[in-house]
Amino acid sequence: MMKKIKTIIIGLGNIGLKYDLNSNKKIILTHVKAATFSKNFNLVATIDKKNKIKKIFEKKYKIKSYKNLNEYLAINQNKKIDLVIISSPNTQHLKNVKESLIKLKPKIIFCEKPFGNNLSDAKKIKKYCQKKKCKIFVNYTRLTDLQTKIISNKIKNHENIADVLYSKNIIINGSHFINLFLRLFGKLISLNKKKDKIILKFKKGTVNLKKTSNSLKANTYQINNKDYKILVSRNLFKIYSRKKLIISKKIDKKNNYYVFKEIEKSFFNKKNKLCKVNEAIETQKIIKKINMLK
């Protein structure tokens, strides 16, 4: 039997806790629910400065929450932590990483996307983790979605065109797709803006990125090549071959559970699907270029 991975979560916002407060057992969208559901993780504490959300967490999970790491360490001295999950606001990522490295000395840090508040933060985080010999991964969940592996097999050796509709802004939701297609389509060759679309040309395909206010169509995408048409919506995943439907599946809502399975692999130096630090930095570089477009 493996030793459980001692885990602390910093930040009890939406992805940390709130998305799952009223969800059923088949849905695992947050770090708290994934950590407590996954048998190989031991969530020893959470950190958040807001008393209201701390009390909600403590009541539901019967685990202590602290306002900061100093308060935690005052009570829990010399207790080694294996994993720190940072799900605080973007502006706090750099500070939380530095503090965690000094005070908790974890083996692995798992940071929410987009990995710092900007490209400069991301590079500093990488440098600090390298200095402390701590592995760091970034939570771009679409890389670990079950359908992504299937899609990867269907786009090999093809010229692909992807049409993406994202909501809110590039940092919050657009970044997920930039990161996904960086993994699927390879190195970015060029980008430009045409009317209301951002056109990203990668080594193995082109992505048309468009913002939408339509909640039903938001954060969905379609990929076309000469053999396949791939549709990924909020609830369904479909693949057509020569207009014939060959795959139709419901989107699995336990996506953060699969993220934690990949984190588990990283503790045993096994190959995993998590976003590596250099991929996250490349994503930040692309975001910076997009924000510079007029």
Protein backbone atom coordinates (compact mmCIF):
# COMPACT_ATOMS: atom_id res chain seq x y z
CA MET A 1 0.00 0.00 0.00
CA MET A 2 1.43 3.37 -1.03
CA LYS A 3 2.01 6.17 1.43
CA LYS A 4 -0.63 8.87 1.05
CA ILE A 5 0.43 12.15 -0.52
CA LYS A 6 0.22 14.86 2.15
CA THR A 7 -1.47 17.83 0.52
CA ILE A 8 -2.22 21.46 1.32
CA ILE A 9 -4.49 23.61 -0.84
CA ILE A 10 -3.96 27.38 -0.89
CA GLY A 11 -7.11 29.16 -2.04
CA LEU A 12 -10.74 28.12 -1.56
CA GLY A 13 -12.25 29.97 -4.50
CA ASN A 14 -14.21 28.43 -7.39
CA ILE A 15 -11.68 25.84 -8.55
CA GLY A 16 -10.42 25.30 -5.00
CA LEU A 17 -13.81 24.53 -3.43
CA LYS A 18 -16.93 26.39 -4.59
CA TYR A 19 -17.76 24.69 -7.91
CA ASP A 20 -18.45 21.43 -6.06
CA LEU A 21 -20.28 22.69 -2.98
CA ASN A 22 -23.64 21.59 -4.38
CA SER A 23 -22.53 19.06 -7.03
CA ASN A 24 -23.45 15.37 -7.03
CA LYS A 25 -21.01 12.47 -6.60
CA LYS A 26 -20.49 12.08 -10.36
CA ILE A 27 -19.08 15.59 -10.67
CA ILE A 28 -15.54 16.45 -9.48
CA LEU A 29 -14.52 19.92 -10.59
CA THR A 30 -12.48 21.21 -7.64
CA HIS A 31 -9.18 20.46 -5.92
CA VAL A 32 -10.77 19.89 -2.51
CA LYS A 33 -13.25 17.33 -3.79
CA ALA A 34 -10.64 15.57 -5.93
CA ALA A 35 -8.14 15.43 -3.04
CA THR A 36 -10.70 14.01 -0.61
CA PHE A 37 -12.15 11.60 -3.18
CA SER A 38 -8.80 10.22 -4.36
CA LYS A 39 -7.67 7.47 -1.98
CA ASN A 40 -3.94 8.17 -2.37
CA PHE A 41 -4.12 11.79 -1.21
CA ASN A 42 -4.32 13.08 2.36
CA LEU A 43 -5.63 16.65 2.49
CA VAL A 44 -4.15 17.85 5.78
CA ALA A 45 -5.20 21.51 5.60
CA THR A 46 -6.35 24.40 3.45
CA ILE A 47 -5.34 28.06 3.47
CA ASP A 48 -7.65 31.00 2.84
CA LYS A 49 -7.90 34.43 4.43
CA LYS A 50 -11.72 34.58 4.23
CA ASN A 51 -13.37 33.29 7.41
CA LYS A 52 -16.72 32.59 5.76
CA ILE A 53 -15.37 30.16 3.15
CA LYS A 54 -13.04 28.56 5.71
CA LYS A 55 -16.02 27.76 7.94
CA ILE A 56 -17.98 26.33 5.01
CA PHE A 57 -15.02 24.09 4.13
CA GLU A 58 -14.45 22.95 7.73
CA LYS A 59 -18.11 22.12 8.26
CA LYS A 60 -18.32 20.05 5.06
CA TYR A 61 -14.96 18.25 5.17
CA LYS A 62 -14.03 18.21 8.88
CA ILE A 63 -10.50 19.40 8.05
CA LYS A 64 -8.86 22.48 9.55
CA SER A 65 -8.45 25.62 7.47
CA TYR A 66 -5.98 28.41 8.29
CA LYS A 67 -5.77 32.08 7.32
CA ASN A 68 -2.11 31.76 6.23
CA LEU A 69 0.89 29.43 6.33
CA ASN A 70 2.31 31.03 9.47
CA GLU A 71 -0.84 30.12 11.39
CA TYR A 72 -0.66 26.58 10.03
CA LEU A 73 3.02 26.16 10.94
CA ALA A 74 2.51 27.54 14.45
CA ILE A 75 0.32 24.52 15.17
CA ASN A 76 1.84 21.97 12.79
CA GLN A 77 5.61 22.33 13.06
CA ASN A 78 8.00 19.97 11.27
CA LYS A 79 5.25 18.15 9.39
CA LYS A 80 6.43 17.45 5.87
CA ILE A 81 4.12 18.31 2.96
CA ASP A 82 4.44 16.42 -0.32
CA LEU A 83 2.13 18.51 -2.50
CA VAL A 84 1.03 22.14 -2.47
CA ILE A 85 -1.88 23.10 -4.70
CA ILE A 86 -2.14 26.80 -5.43
CA SER A 87 -5.63 27.88 -6.44
CA SER A 88 -5.44 31.47 -5.25
CA PRO A 89 -6.00 34.47 -7.60
CA ASN A 90 -3.42 34.91 -10.40
CA THR A 91 -1.91 37.93 -8.66
CA GLN A 92 -0.99 35.75 -5.66
CA HIS A 93 0.63 32.82 -7.49
CA LEU A 94 4.21 34.10 -7.35
CA LYS A 95 3.97 35.02 -3.66
CA ASN A 96 2.32 31.71 -2.74
CA VAL A 97 4.91 29.65 -4.63
CA LYS A 98 7.84 31.45 -2.96
CA GLU A 99 6.30 31.12 0.49
CA SER A 100 5.46 27.43 -0.04
CA LEU A 101 8.98 26.62 -1.19
CA ILE A 102 10.51 28.26 1.89
CA LYS A 103 8.05 27.17 4.57
CA LEU A 104 6.69 23.81 3.37
CA LYS A 105 9.46 22.47 1.12
CA PRO A 106 7.09 20.35 -0.99
CA LYS A 107 8.19 17.78 -3.56
CA ILE A 108 5.66 19.08 -6.10
CA ILE A 109 3.68 22.30 -6.57
CA PHE A 110 0.53 22.22 -8.68
CA CYS A 111 -0.44 25.74 -9.70
CA GLU A 112 -3.66 26.98 -11.22
CA LYS A 113 -3.53 28.37 -14.73
CA PRO A 114 -2.41 30.71 -16.18
CA PHE A 115 0.65 30.27 -13.91
CA GLY A 116 1.31 33.69 -12.42
CA ASN A 117 -0.24 36.98 -13.32
CA ASN A 118 1.93 37.44 -16.42
CA LEU A 119 4.93 36.07 -18.33
CA SER A 120 7.42 37.67 -15.94
CA ASP A 121 5.79 35.93 -12.95
CA ALA A 122 5.79 32.59 -14.76
CA LYS A 123 9.54 32.80 -15.48
CA LYS A 124 10.28 33.73 -11.86
CA ILE A 125 8.20 30.81 -10.55
CA LYS A 126 10.10 28.41 -12.81
CA LYS A 127 13.43 29.79 -11.56
CA TYR A 128 12.47 29.53 -7.88
CA CYS A 129 11.24 25.94 -8.27
CA GLN A 130 14.38 24.90 -10.13
CA LYS A 131 16.54 26.42 -7.40
CA LYS A 132 14.66 24.45 -4.72
CA LYS A 133 14.54 21.31 -6.91
CA CYS A 134 10.75 21.23 -6.69
CA LYS A 135 8.68 19.96 -9.61
CA ILE A 136 5.87 22.24 -10.74
CA PHE A 137 2.88 21.58 -13.00
CA VAL A 138 0.06 23.85 -14.12
CA ASN A 139 -3.64 23.05 -14.11
CA TYR A 140 -4.77 23.17 -17.73
CA THR A 141 -7.43 20.49 -17.32
CA ARG A 142 -8.15 19.93 -21.00
CA LEU A 143 -4.81 18.18 -21.37
CA THR A 144 -6.03 15.42 -19.07
CA ASP A 145 -9.62 15.21 -20.37
CA LEU A 146 -10.47 11.71 -21.56
CA GLN A 147 -11.38 12.88 -25.06
CA THR A 148 -8.06 14.66 -25.66
CA LYS A 149 -6.15 11.41 -26.22
CA ILE A 150 -8.77 10.25 -28.74
CA ILE A 151 -8.59 13.59 -30.55
CA SER A 152 -4.80 13.41 -30.64
CA ASN A 153 -4.98 10.12 -32.54
CA LYS A 154 -7.46 11.51 -35.08
CA ILE A 155 -5.45 14.59 -36.02
CA LYS A 156 -2.08 12.94 -36.62
CA ASN A 157 -0.62 13.43 -40.10
CA HIS A 158 -3.41 15.84 -41.08
CA GLU A 159 -3.75 19.51 -41.89
CA ASN A 160 -6.16 20.60 -39.17
CA ILE A 161 -8.34 23.65 -38.70
CA ALA A 162 -9.90 24.31 -35.30
CA ASP A 163 -12.66 26.82 -34.55
CA VAL A 164 -12.90 27.79 -30.88
CA LEU A 165 -15.52 29.83 -29.07
CA TYR A 166 -14.43 31.06 -25.64
CA SER A 167 -16.13 33.25 -23.02
CA LYS A 168 -15.00 36.04 -20.68
CA ASN A 169 -11.40 36.75 -21.70
CA ILE A 170 -8.14 35.28 -22.95
CA ILE A 171 -6.69 34.73 -19.47
CA ILE A 172 -9.72 33.07 -17.86
CA ASN A 173 -10.97 30.79 -20.65
CA GLY A 174 -9.09 31.51 -23.87
CA SER A 175 -5.85 30.35 -22.26
CA HIS A 176 -7.24 26.81 -21.89
CA PHE A 177 -7.56 26.47 -25.66
CA ILE A 178 -4.25 28.13 -26.45
CA ASN A 179 -2.59 25.62 -24.16
CA LEU A 180 -4.57 22.67 -25.53
CA PHE A 181 -3.70 23.39 -29.15
CA LEU A 182 -0.10 24.12 -28.28
CA ARG A 183 -0.04 20.49 -27.11
CA LEU A 184 -2.10 19.12 -30.03
CA PHE A 185 -0.76 21.24 -32.91
CA GLY A 186 2.82 21.93 -31.81
CA LYS A 187 4.89 25.10 -31.94
CA LEU A 188 3.25 28.46 -32.73
CA ILE A 189 4.37 29.80 -36.12
CA SER A 190 2.40 33.06 -36.31
CA LEU A 191 -0.66 34.89 -35.02
CA ASN A 192 -2.76 37.77 -36.22
CA LYS A 193 -6.17 39.33 -35.77
CA LYS A 194 -8.85 39.44 -38.47
CA LYS A 195 -12.08 41.24 -37.57
CA ASP A 196 -13.37 39.48 -34.45
CA LYS A 197 -11.07 36.44 -34.66
CA ILE A 198 -7.56 35.70 -33.51
CA ILE A 199 -5.84 33.35 -35.97
CA LEU A 200 -3.10 31.17 -34.52
CA LYS A 201 -0.99 29.14 -36.93
CA PHE A 202 0.77 26.22 -35.32
CA LYS A 203 3.12 23.66 -36.87
CA LYS A 204 0.33 21.11 -37.35
CA GLY A 205 -2.75 23.26 -37.76
CA THR A 206 -4.59 26.57 -37.54
CA VAL A 207 -6.83 27.76 -34.70
CA ASN A 208 -9.50 30.44 -35.14
CA LEU A 209 -10.15 31.84 -31.68
CA LYS A 210 -13.34 33.84 -31.20
CA LYS A 211 -14.97 35.34 -28.12
CA THR A 212 -18.69 34.74 -27.61
CA SER A 213 -21.34 35.86 -25.14
CA ASN A 214 -23.57 32.89 -26.02
CA SER A 215 -23.43 30.73 -22.88
CA LEU A 216 -24.59 27.60 -24.76
CA LYS A 217 -21.79 27.83 -27.32
CA ALA A 218 -19.07 29.22 -25.06
CA ASN A 219 -15.91 27.18 -24.43
CA THR A 220 -16.57 24.69 -27.22
CA TYR A 221 -14.54 23.79 -30.28
CA GLN A 222 -14.56 21.98 -33.60
CA ILE A 223 -11.65 20.44 -35.51
CA ASN A 224 -11.78 19.59 -39.21
CA ASN A 225 -9.37 17.70 -41.43
CA LYS A 226 -9.78 15.62 -44.60
CA ASP A 227 -10.87 12.50 -42.69
CA TYR A 228 -12.59 13.70 -39.53
CA LYS A 229 -14.89 16.30 -38.05
CA ILE A 230 -14.55 16.56 -34.28
CA LEU A 231 -17.06 18.41 -32.11
CA VAL A 232 -16.54 19.10 -28.40
CA SER A 233 -19.36 20.88 -26.59
CA ARG A 234 -20.01 21.35 -22.89
CA ASN A 235 -21.77 18.00 -22.60
CA LEU A 236 -21.03 15.96 -25.73
CA PHE A 237 -18.03 14.77 -27.68
CA LYS A 238 -18.60 13.62 -31.28
CA ILE A 239 -16.42 12.46 -34.15
CA TYR A 240 -17.61 12.06 -37.74
CA SER A 241 -15.75 10.21 -40.47
CA ARG A 242 -16.92 11.07 -43.97
CA LYS A 243 -20.17 12.42 -42.47
CA LYS A 244 -20.81 9.19 -40.55
CA LEU A 245 -20.96 9.47 -36.76
CA ILE A 246 -18.34 7.09 -35.33
CA ILE A 247 -18.00 8.35 -31.74
CA SER A 248 -20.57 10.03 -29.50
CA LYS A 249 -19.91 10.30 -25.78
CA LYS A 250 -21.03 12.42 -22.88
CA ILE A 251 -18.35 14.65 -21.41
CA ASP A 252 -17.11 13.17 -18.15
CA LYS A 253 -17.65 15.61 -15.29
CA LYS A 254 -15.01 14.06 -13.04
CA ASN A 255 -12.27 15.95 -14.87
CA ASN A 256 -10.41 17.06 -11.75
CA TYR A 257 -10.29 13.47 -10.52
CA TYR A 258 -8.32 12.60 -13.67
CA VAL A 259 -6.05 15.58 -13.02
CA PHE A 260 -5.23 14.09 -9.61
CA LYS A 261 -4.52 10.68 -11.16
CA GLU A 262 -1.89 12.43 -13.29
CA ILE A 263 -0.46 14.24 -10.26
CA GLU A 264 -0.17 10.85 -8.56
CA LYS A 265 1.87 9.54 -11.51
CA SER A 266 4.28 12.46 -11.17
CA PHE A 267 5.25 11.32 -7.66
CA PHE A 268 6.50 8.06 -9.15
CA ASN A 269 8.29 9.75 -12.07
CA LYS A 270 5.83 8.18 -14.48
CA LYS A 271 4.89 9.82 -17.74
CA ASN A 272 1.89 12.08 -17.20
CA LYS A 273 -0.37 14.40 -19.17
CA LEU A 274 -0.05 17.43 -16.91
CA CYS A 275 0.98 20.80 -18.30
CA LYS A 276 4.74 21.15 -17.87
CA VAL A 277 6.34 24.41 -16.83
CA ASN A 278 7.71 25.23 -20.30
CA GLU A 279 4.30 24.64 -21.91
CA ALA A 280 2.73 27.03 -19.41
CA ILE A 281 5.39 29.66 -20.16
CA GLU A 282 4.81 29.26 -23.92
CA THR A 283 1.10 29.76 -23.28
CA GLN A 284 1.86 32.96 -21.36
CA LYS A 285 4.05 34.15 -24.26
CA ILE A 286 1.16 33.66 -26.70
CA ILE A 287 -1.26 35.44 -24.36
CA LYS A 288 1.16 38.39 -24.18
CA LYS A 289 1.36 38.56 -28.01
CA ILE A 290 -2.44 38.46 -28.30
CA ASN A 291 -2.83 41.27 -25.77
CA MET A 292 -0.43 43.37 -27.87
CA LEU A 293 -2.59 43.02 -31.00
CA LYS A 294 -4.64 46.07 -31.96
